[in-house]
Amino acid sequence: MNYNKKTVMDMDVAGKKVLLRCDFNVPMAKDGSGVITDDKRIRAALPTIRYLLEQGAAVIACSHMGKPVATYESYVKKQTEKGKDPATLTEEKWRKSLAELSLAPVAKRLSELLEMEVIMAADVVGPDAQAKAAALQPGQLLLLENTRFEKGETKNDPALAKAMADMAELYVSDAFGAVHRAHASTAGVADYLPAVSGFLIQKELEVIGGALAAPKRPLVAILGGSKVSSKIGVIDNLLSIADTIIIGGGMAYTFSAAKGGKIGNSLFEADWQDYANQMVEKAAQKGVKLLLPVDTVCGDKFAPDANVQVVPAGQIPDGWEGLDIGPKTVELYCAAVQDAGTVIWNGPMGVFEFAAFAKGTEAVAEALSKTDAITIIGGGDSAAAVQQLGYADKMSHISTGGGASLEFMEGKELPGVACLLDR
């Protein structure tokens, strides 16, 4: 995939209406109060929004939020499948479920951050959005309602994409967290408008794309998280690129079991043992160092107050489960990143939500904060861990997209990037 895409800087946006796809899928308070509990994604969009407004563009921003059910019929079907009594599923309840996923609170927060009025549309391509888009002046910002309120959004419906595109003269994509999906607002609109990237996507492409295409060596990839199955493509692709691959988290126990180790009650994917052994062989053939845990911190239950013991890898007692990498493994892994040129990290080393099993993840984060390497955190849980542990400002780059950065590292084509104009 070509990562060298045109950006907003390559276009004259003065006096133009610009459709800007953002990622405003922010966490909200569960009490229905409309309070945003973390506005990081909104703040991440500000540089592109400010640039467009300062250059004299009229900006029509759009985003999805959550997983609303776009029609009442689908709502009844889904809730019935969950065991709810269809007689209690009123249209009013469905409308309430939609209202909880409105972007109105985002418009309010945006207006506070930009210190200007953000005009909110009541729909996506309906009469209100169309009228407000038509009246929009340079330097003004309109936010469309949740794109997933339109059932054609996730189906990449051409009619919806065209209706969105008809409101503008240029499309700017800045929602890296959504570029791995071919939806109407992330890819479809580019069939009808010239499409370029915003600053957020530009940085992701330069940093992650650069690390994969021409890394400063040695390139060390640290892969954790719970499942081997979710990282197959990544491991496979990185075996042709990386100098060292480090395996941690729940996925390590599938590798351990594949080698004939005892893993007790640890997380384990029986179907992937052959694959794990093949990866070890492939790494040896390619001269890639594949590091696996040499010891394990285990608990007698999956809980913060579990009894804890450290055992050699592959010797977990019956009734116990591996929940973190052990102290010798920590030393091994930290030494491996010390002299790296580039480090890509995706997935925690253990159950970092429990203090007793957070030491591995914390030690890796600390080691990365002290290295001179380019350090790239691949979104998702690793990004959350780095933020939570207070090392975020010490990393070169923290990706804004978990799923997108994973597919990027697999070498897959990202539909929301492929549709942008090449430089």
Protein backbone atom coordinates (compact mmCIF):
# COMPACT_ATOMS: atom_id res chain seq x y z
CA MET A 1 0.00 0.00 0.00
CA ASN A 2 1.25 3.48 -0.84
CA TYR A 3 1.58 5.51 2.38
CA ASN A 4 2.54 8.71 0.55
CA LYS A 5 -0.85 10.42 0.39
CA LYS A 6 -1.88 14.00 -0.28
CA THR A 7 -2.80 16.01 2.82
CA VAL A 8 -4.83 19.14 3.55
CA MET A 9 -1.59 21.10 3.05
CA ASP A 10 -1.56 20.06 -0.64
CA MET A 11 -5.00 21.58 -1.34
CA ASP A 12 -6.32 25.12 -1.59
CA VAL A 13 -9.28 24.99 0.80
CA ALA A 14 -10.11 28.72 0.93
CA GLY A 15 -13.83 29.30 0.42
CA LYS A 16 -14.46 25.56 -0.03
CA LYS A 17 -16.88 23.31 1.81
CA VAL A 18 -14.88 20.45 3.32
CA LEU A 19 -16.38 17.18 4.54
CA LEU A 20 -14.11 16.11 7.42
CA ARG A 21 -14.35 12.55 8.80
CA CYS A 22 -13.24 12.56 12.46
CA ASP A 23 -13.19 9.88 15.13
CA PHE A 24 -15.50 11.26 17.82
CA ASN A 25 -16.40 7.80 19.13
CA VAL A 26 -15.72 8.91 22.71
CA PRO A 27 -16.62 7.17 25.99
CA MET A 28 -19.73 8.56 27.69
CA ALA A 29 -20.95 8.34 31.30
CA LYS A 30 -23.23 5.31 31.71
CA ASP A 31 -25.96 7.33 33.51
CA GLY A 32 -27.33 8.90 30.30
CA SER A 33 -26.19 12.38 31.42
CA GLY A 34 -24.35 13.03 28.14
CA VAL A 35 -21.05 13.60 29.98
CA ILE A 36 -17.94 12.70 27.94
CA THR A 37 -15.54 10.82 30.23
CA ASP A 38 -12.48 11.14 27.96
CA ASP A 39 -12.18 13.80 25.23
CA LYS A 40 -8.79 12.65 23.88
CA ARG A 41 -10.20 11.81 20.43
CA ILE A 42 -11.91 15.19 20.16
CA ARG A 43 -8.66 16.98 21.05
CA ALA A 44 -6.78 14.86 18.50
CA ALA A 45 -8.97 16.31 15.71
CA LEU A 46 -8.37 19.96 16.68
CA PRO A 47 -5.17 20.66 14.65
CA THR A 48 -6.88 19.68 11.36
CA ILE A 49 -10.12 21.51 12.23
CA ARG A 50 -8.24 24.68 13.24
CA TYR A 51 -6.09 24.59 10.10
CA LEU A 52 -9.13 24.25 7.80
CA LEU A 53 -11.03 27.07 9.56
CA GLU A 54 -7.97 29.36 9.53
CA GLN A 55 -7.51 28.71 5.80
CA GLY A 56 -11.08 29.91 5.17
CA ALA A 57 -12.84 26.56 4.68
CA ALA A 58 -16.42 25.86 5.77
CA VAL A 59 -16.07 22.56 7.67
CA ILE A 60 -18.74 19.84 7.75
CA ALA A 61 -17.47 17.34 10.34
CA CYS A 62 -18.88 13.83 10.70
CA SER A 63 -18.23 10.74 12.83
CA HIS A 64 -19.82 7.57 14.13
CA MET A 65 -20.50 6.93 17.82
CA GLY A 66 -21.02 3.45 19.26
CA LYS A 67 -23.20 0.86 17.54
CA PRO A 68 -26.70 2.28 17.22
CA VAL A 69 -29.37 0.14 15.55
CA ALA A 70 -30.51 2.25 12.62
CA THR A 71 -34.09 0.91 12.28
CA TYR A 72 -36.81 0.03 14.79
CA GLU A 73 -37.29 -3.41 13.15
CA SER A 74 -33.58 -4.25 13.58
CA TYR A 75 -33.72 -3.01 17.19
CA VAL A 76 -36.62 -5.37 18.01
CA LYS A 77 -34.82 -8.28 16.28
CA LYS A 78 -31.54 -7.70 18.17
CA GLN A 79 -33.17 -7.24 21.57
CA THR A 80 -35.39 -10.33 21.04
CA GLU A 81 -32.26 -12.36 20.24
CA LYS A 82 -30.88 -11.20 23.61
CA GLY A 83 -33.95 -12.69 25.30
CA LYS A 84 -36.03 -9.50 25.73
CA ASP A 85 -39.83 -9.70 25.49
CA PRO A 86 -40.84 -8.14 22.12
CA ALA A 87 -44.00 -6.73 23.73
CA THR A 88 -41.87 -4.41 25.90
CA LEU A 89 -39.75 -3.10 23.00
CA THR A 90 -41.52 0.14 22.15
CA GLU A 91 -40.49 2.60 19.46
CA GLU A 92 -39.91 5.08 22.30
CA LYS A 93 -37.25 2.77 23.81
CA TRP A 94 -35.52 2.47 20.44
CA ARG A 95 -35.48 6.28 20.03
CA LYS A 96 -34.04 6.60 23.55
CA SER A 97 -31.24 4.15 22.63
CA LEU A 98 -30.44 6.37 19.62
CA ALA A 99 -30.55 9.58 21.67
CA GLU A 100 -27.88 8.15 23.99
CA LEU A 101 -25.53 7.89 20.98
CA SER A 102 -26.16 11.38 19.60
CA LEU A 103 -23.13 13.54 18.80
CA ALA A 104 -24.77 16.57 20.50
CA PRO A 105 -22.44 16.28 23.57
CA VAL A 106 -19.47 16.22 21.15
CA ALA A 107 -20.69 19.45 19.51
CA LYS A 108 -20.89 21.04 22.98
CA ARG A 109 -17.34 19.90 23.91
CA LEU A 110 -15.96 20.98 20.52
CA SER A 111 -17.44 24.45 20.92
CA GLU A 112 -15.77 24.75 24.36
CA LEU A 113 -12.37 23.62 23.03
CA LEU A 114 -12.50 25.83 19.90
CA GLU A 115 -14.19 28.73 21.73
CA MET A 116 -16.69 29.13 18.88
CA GLU A 117 -20.20 28.03 17.99
CA VAL A 118 -20.44 24.53 16.53
CA ILE A 119 -23.64 24.16 14.52
CA MET A 120 -25.29 20.78 15.18
CA ALA A 121 -27.35 19.03 12.49
CA ALA A 122 -30.32 16.92 13.55
CA ASP A 123 -29.53 14.29 10.90
CA VAL A 124 -26.77 13.05 8.58
CA VAL A 125 -28.06 13.76 5.07
CA GLY A 126 -31.64 14.75 5.90
CA PRO A 127 -33.32 18.13 5.38
CA ASP A 128 -31.70 19.72 8.47
CA ALA A 129 -28.13 18.69 7.52
CA GLN A 130 -28.64 19.73 3.90
CA ALA A 131 -30.05 23.16 4.79
CA LYS A 132 -27.32 23.87 7.35
CA ALA A 133 -24.56 22.67 4.99
CA ALA A 134 -25.92 24.88 2.18
CA ALA A 135 -25.96 27.95 4.46
CA LEU A 136 -22.49 27.26 5.98
CA GLN A 137 -19.98 30.12 5.56
CA PRO A 138 -16.15 30.02 5.47
CA GLY A 139 -14.77 29.81 9.04
CA GLN A 140 -17.90 28.04 10.33
CA LEU A 141 -18.12 24.45 11.63
CA LEU A 142 -21.10 22.12 11.25
CA LEU A 143 -21.27 18.70 12.93
CA LEU A 144 -23.53 16.08 11.34
CA GLU A 145 -25.40 13.60 13.53
CA ASN A 146 -23.97 10.08 14.17
CA THR A 147 -23.24 8.57 10.72
CA ARG A 148 -24.39 5.15 11.95
CA PHE A 149 -27.93 6.48 12.39
CA GLU A 150 -28.02 5.85 8.62
CA LYS A 151 -28.36 2.15 7.89
CA GLY A 152 -26.32 2.57 4.69
CA GLU A 153 -23.21 3.74 6.57
CA THR A 154 -21.73 0.36 7.53
CA LYS A 155 -22.82 -1.14 4.16
CA ASN A 156 -20.88 1.58 2.29
CA ASP A 157 -24.09 2.45 0.45
CA PRO A 158 -23.23 4.54 -2.66
CA ALA A 159 -26.45 6.59 -2.35
CA LEU A 160 -25.53 7.65 1.21
CA ALA A 161 -21.90 8.33 0.24
CA LYS A 162 -23.06 10.50 -2.68
CA ALA A 163 -25.58 12.40 -0.51
CA MET A 164 -22.78 13.20 1.98
CA ALA A 165 -20.35 14.14 -0.80
CA ASP A 166 -22.94 16.42 -2.45
CA MET A 167 -22.74 18.76 0.57
CA ALA A 168 -19.01 19.47 0.03
CA GLU A 169 -16.24 20.05 -2.52
CA LEU A 170 -13.39 18.20 -0.79
CA TYR A 171 -13.14 15.20 1.55
CA VAL A 172 -10.58 15.10 4.37
CA SER A 173 -10.11 11.85 6.28
CA ASP A 174 -8.73 12.20 9.82
CA ALA A 175 -10.29 9.23 11.62
CA PHE A 176 -7.41 6.74 11.78
CA GLY A 177 -9.39 4.59 14.23
CA ALA A 178 -11.92 3.89 11.45
CA VAL A 179 -9.81 3.63 8.26
CA HIS A 180 -9.75 -0.20 8.38
CA ARG A 181 -13.49 -0.14 7.64
CA ALA A 182 -14.94 0.46 4.17
CA HIS A 183 -17.96 2.51 5.27
CA ALA A 184 -19.80 5.28 3.40
CA SER A 185 -18.17 8.06 5.45
CA THR A 186 -14.67 6.50 5.60
CA ALA A 187 -14.22 5.32 2.00
CA GLY A 188 -17.40 5.64 -0.11
CA VAL A 189 -17.41 9.46 -0.25
CA ALA A 190 -13.97 9.39 -1.93
CA ASP A 191 -15.69 8.04 -5.07
CA TYR A 192 -17.38 11.43 -5.45
CA LEU A 193 -14.88 13.96 -4.03
CA PRO A 194 -11.11 14.56 -4.14
CA ALA A 195 -9.89 12.90 -0.92
CA VAL A 196 -6.85 13.79 1.22
CA SER A 197 -5.66 13.12 4.77
CA GLY A 198 -5.76 15.36 7.82
CA PHE A 199 -2.78 15.81 10.15
CA LEU A 200 -3.70 12.86 12.40
CA ILE A 201 -3.73 10.28 9.60
CA GLN A 202 -0.67 11.89 8.00
CA LYS A 203 1.30 11.31 11.22
CA GLU A 204 0.09 7.70 11.57
CA LEU A 205 1.11 6.94 7.96
CA GLU A 206 4.49 8.60 8.33
CA VAL A 207 5.35 7.00 11.68
CA ILE A 208 3.91 3.47 11.40
CA GLY A 209 4.32 3.30 7.61
CA GLY A 210 7.92 4.48 7.96
CA ALA A 211 8.66 1.93 10.70
CA LEU A 212 7.39 -0.89 8.49
CA ALA A 213 8.87 0.28 5.19
CA ALA A 214 12.29 1.56 6.29
CA PRO A 215 12.79 1.13 10.06
CA LYS A 216 15.74 2.43 12.01
CA ARG A 217 17.30 -0.89 13.05
CA PRO A 218 17.29 -3.09 15.00
CA LEU A 219 13.48 -3.24 14.80
CA VAL A 220 11.98 -4.89 17.90
CA ALA A 221 8.28 -5.81 17.91
CA ILE A 222 6.61 -6.52 21.26
CA LEU A 223 3.32 -8.39 20.92
CA GLY A 224 1.06 -9.11 23.89
CA GLY A 225 -2.64 -9.34 24.53
CA SER A 226 -4.80 -12.36 25.04
CA LYS A 227 -5.03 -14.24 21.74
CA VAL A 228 -2.59 -15.60 19.18
CA SER A 229 -5.48 -15.75 16.66
CA SER A 230 -5.88 -11.95 16.68
CA LYS A 231 -2.15 -11.41 16.02
CA ILE A 232 -1.46 -14.09 13.37
CA GLY A 233 -1.24 -11.68 10.45
CA VAL A 234 0.91 -9.28 12.47
CA ILE A 235 3.43 -11.95 13.53
CA ASP A 236 3.52 -13.30 9.98
CA ASN A 237 4.17 -9.88 8.43
CA LEU A 238 6.71 -8.86 11.08
CA LEU A 239 8.74 -12.05 10.56
CA SER A 240 9.80 -10.50 7.22
CA ILE A 241 10.56 -7.08 8.73
CA ALA A 242 11.62 -7.29 12.39
CA ASP A 243 14.97 -8.25 13.88
CA THR A 244 13.44 -9.37 17.19
CA ILE A 245 9.87 -10.37 18.10
CA ILE A 246 8.89 -10.52 21.77
CA ILE A 247 5.80 -12.49 22.82
CA GLY A 248 3.94 -11.77 26.08
CA GLY A 249 0.41 -11.68 27.46
CA GLY A 250 -2.12 -14.50 27.25
CA MET A 251 -0.95 -15.53 23.79
CA ALA A 252 2.37 -16.75 25.25
CA TYR A 253 0.62 -19.76 26.88
CA THR A 254 -0.43 -21.15 23.50
CA PHE A 255 3.27 -21.08 22.47
CA SER A 256 4.17 -22.72 25.80
CA ALA A 257 1.57 -25.48 25.42
CA ALA A 258 2.71 -26.08 21.83
CA LYS A 259 6.20 -26.83 23.17
CA GLY A 260 4.70 -29.38 25.60
CA GLY A 261 4.69 -27.08 28.65
CA LYS A 262 2.22 -27.26 31.55
CA ILE A 263 0.00 -24.16 31.55
CA GLY A 264 -2.60 -24.99 34.26
CA ASN A 265 -5.75 -22.88 33.77
CA SER A 266 -4.00 -20.25 31.63
CA LEU A 267 -5.65 -18.70 28.60
CA PHE A 268 -5.00 -21.01 25.68
CA GLU A 269 -6.09 -21.52 22.07
CA ALA A 270 -5.72 -25.25 21.33
CA ASP A 271 -6.36 -24.78 17.59
CA TRP A 272 -3.35 -22.49 17.21
CA GLN A 273 -0.59 -24.73 18.65
CA ASP A 274 0.66 -25.91 15.24
CA TYR A 275 0.71 -22.32 14.07
CA ALA A 276 2.75 -21.30 17.14
CA ASN A 277 5.34 -24.00 16.40
CA GLN A 278 5.47 -22.97 12.74
CA MET A 279 6.16 -19.35 13.77
CA VAL A 280 9.07 -20.48 15.97
CA GLU A 281 10.52 -22.49 13.04
CA LYS A 282 9.94 -19.66 10.56
CA ALA A 283 11.71 -17.18 12.88
CA ALA A 284 14.72 -19.51 13.12
CA GLN A 285 14.85 -19.90 9.32
CA LYS A 286 14.70 -16.13 8.79
CA GLY A 287 17.22 -15.34 11.53
CA VAL A 288 14.66 -13.39 13.56
CA LYS A 289 15.03 -13.62 17.34
CA LEU A 290 11.69 -14.81 18.76
CA LEU A 291 11.69 -14.30 22.53
CA LEU A 292 9.20 -16.19 24.70
CA PRO A 293 8.75 -15.92 28.49
CA VAL A 294 11.22 -17.91 30.62
CA ASP A 295 9.17 -17.49 33.83
CA THR A 296 5.60 -16.64 34.73
CA VAL A 297 3.73 -14.88 37.52
CA CYS A 298 0.65 -16.99 38.23
CA GLY A 299 -2.42 -16.64 40.40
CA ASP A 300 -4.74 -19.25 41.89
CA LYS A 301 -7.72 -17.32 40.45
CA PHE A 302 -8.41 -14.50 38.01
CA ALA A 303 -8.80 -11.74 40.59
CA PRO A 304 -6.85 -8.79 42.04
CA ASP A 305 -6.54 -10.58 45.40
CA ALA A 306 -5.32 -13.93 44.00
CA ASN A 307 -2.48 -15.77 45.72
CA VAL A 308 0.67 -15.26 43.66
CA GLN A 309 3.73 -17.38 42.82
CA VAL A 310 6.52 -17.21 40.21
CA VAL A 311 7.30 -20.42 38.30
CA PRO A 312 9.48 -21.30 35.29
CA ALA A 313 7.62 -21.04 31.95
CA GLY A 314 5.81 -24.28 31.09
CA GLN A 315 5.63 -25.37 34.76
CA ILE A 316 2.39 -23.76 35.89
CA PRO A 317 0.73 -25.95 38.57
CA ASP A 318 -2.76 -27.37 38.07
CA GLY A 319 -5.46 -24.96 39.22
CA TRP A 320 -3.20 -21.90 38.70
CA GLU A 321 -3.08 -19.56 35.69
CA GLY A 322 -0.37 -17.39 34.17
CA LEU A 323 -1.30 -13.70 34.54
CA ASP A 324 1.98 -11.86 33.87
CA ILE A 325 5.56 -12.36 32.67
CA GLY A 326 8.02 -13.19 35.47
CA PRO A 327 11.04 -11.17 36.72
CA LYS A 328 13.63 -13.06 34.60
CA THR A 329 11.50 -12.51 31.50
CA VAL A 330 11.22 -8.81 32.40
CA GLU A 331 15.06 -8.62 32.44
CA LEU A 332 15.30 -10.46 29.11
CA TYR A 333 12.70 -8.27 27.38
CA CYS A 334 14.00 -4.97 28.77
CA ALA A 335 17.53 -5.86 27.62
CA ALA A 336 16.18 -6.58 24.12
CA VAL A 337 14.75 -3.06 23.71
CA GLN A 338 17.77 -1.26 25.20
CA ASP A 339 19.76 -0.97 21.96
CA ALA A 340 16.82 -1.02 19.55
CA GLY A 341 16.49 1.55 16.76
CA THR A 342 12.70 1.16 16.53
CA VAL A 343 10.24 -0.53 18.91
CA ILE A 344 6.61 -1.29 18.00
CA TRP A 345 4.47 -2.42 20.93
CA ASN A 346 0.97 -3.84 20.66
CA GLY A 347 -0.71 -5.61 23.61
CA PRO A 348 0.05 -5.72 27.35
CA MET A 349 2.34 -8.33 28.97
CA GLY A 350 -0.21 -9.40 31.59
CA VAL A 351 -3.45 -8.46 33.33
CA PHE A 352 -2.27 -4.89 33.98
CA GLU A 353 -5.67 -3.92 35.42
CA PHE A 354 -4.70 -5.92 38.57
CA ALA A 355 -1.75 -4.38 40.46
CA ALA A 356 -0.23 -7.81 41.29
CA PHE A 357 -0.01 -8.64 37.57
CA ALA A 358 0.90 -5.24 36.11
CA LYS A 359 4.66 -5.41 36.75
CA GLY A 360 5.58 -6.89 33.35
CA THR A 361 3.64 -4.27 31.39
CA GLU A 362 4.96 -1.50 33.65
CA ALA A 363 8.60 -2.67 33.26
CA VAL A 364 8.31 -2.76 29.45
CA ALA A 365 6.72 0.73 29.42
CA GLU A 366 9.53 2.02 31.64
CA ALA A 367 12.22 0.40 29.46
CA LEU A 368 10.68 2.02 26.37
CA SER A 369 10.63 5.40 28.12
CA LYS A 370 14.40 5.14 28.70
CA THR A 371 15.53 3.91 25.28
CA ASP A 372 16.76 6.19 22.49
CA ALA A 373 14.74 4.17 19.98
CA ILE A 374 11.70 5.40 18.05
CA THR A 375 8.90 3.98 20.21
CA ILE A 376 5.50 3.32 18.62
CA ILE A 377 2.53 2.18 20.73
CA GLY A 378 -0.11 0.49 18.59
CA GLY A 379 -3.30 1.82 20.15
CA GLY A 380 -5.84 -0.22 22.13
CA ASP A 381 -4.83 -1.73 25.48
CA SER A 382 -1.12 -0.88 25.12
CA ALA A 383 -2.00 2.79 24.64
CA ALA A 384 -4.32 2.62 27.67
CA ALA A 385 -1.57 0.97 29.75
CA VAL A 386 1.05 3.56 28.78
CA GLN A 387 -1.37 6.40 29.59
CA GLN A 388 -2.42 4.80 32.89
CA LEU A 389 1.19 4.20 33.97
CA GLY A 390 2.22 7.78 33.17
CA TYR A 391 4.70 7.07 30.35
CA ALA A 392 2.65 8.49 27.45
CA ASP A 393 4.74 11.66 27.04
CA LYS A 394 7.95 9.58 26.82
CA MET A 395 6.82 7.66 23.70
CA SER A 396 7.55 8.81 20.13
CA HIS A 397 4.05 7.96 18.92
CA ILE A 398 0.86 6.53 20.39
CA SER A 399 -1.52 5.37 17.68
CA THR A 400 -5.14 6.54 17.83
CA GLY A 401 -6.48 3.34 16.29
CA GLY A 402 -6.24 -0.12 17.86
CA GLY A 403 -7.84 -2.19 15.09
CA ALA A 404 -6.48 0.05 12.33
CA SER A 405 -2.90 -0.05 13.61
CA LEU A 406 -3.10 -3.87 13.92
CA GLU A 407 -4.27 -4.24 10.30
CA PHE A 408 -1.63 -1.70 9.26
CA MET A 409 1.06 -3.87 10.94
CA GLU A 410 -0.35 -6.92 9.14
CA GLY A 411 0.42 -5.19 5.86
CA LYS A 412 -3.28 -5.14 4.94
CA GLU A 413 -4.71 -2.45 2.72
CA LEU A 414 -6.74 0.04 4.76
CA PRO A 415 -9.80 1.09 2.70
CA GLY A 416 -9.95 4.55 4.30
CA VAL A 417 -6.32 5.20 3.32
CA ALA A 418 -6.31 3.48 -0.10
CA CYS A 419 -9.09 5.85 -1.26
CA LEU A 420 -6.97 8.99 -0.64
CA LEU A 421 -5.13 10.72 -3.50
CA ASP A 422 -1.49 9.67 -3.95
CA ARG A 423 1.19 12.35 -3.81
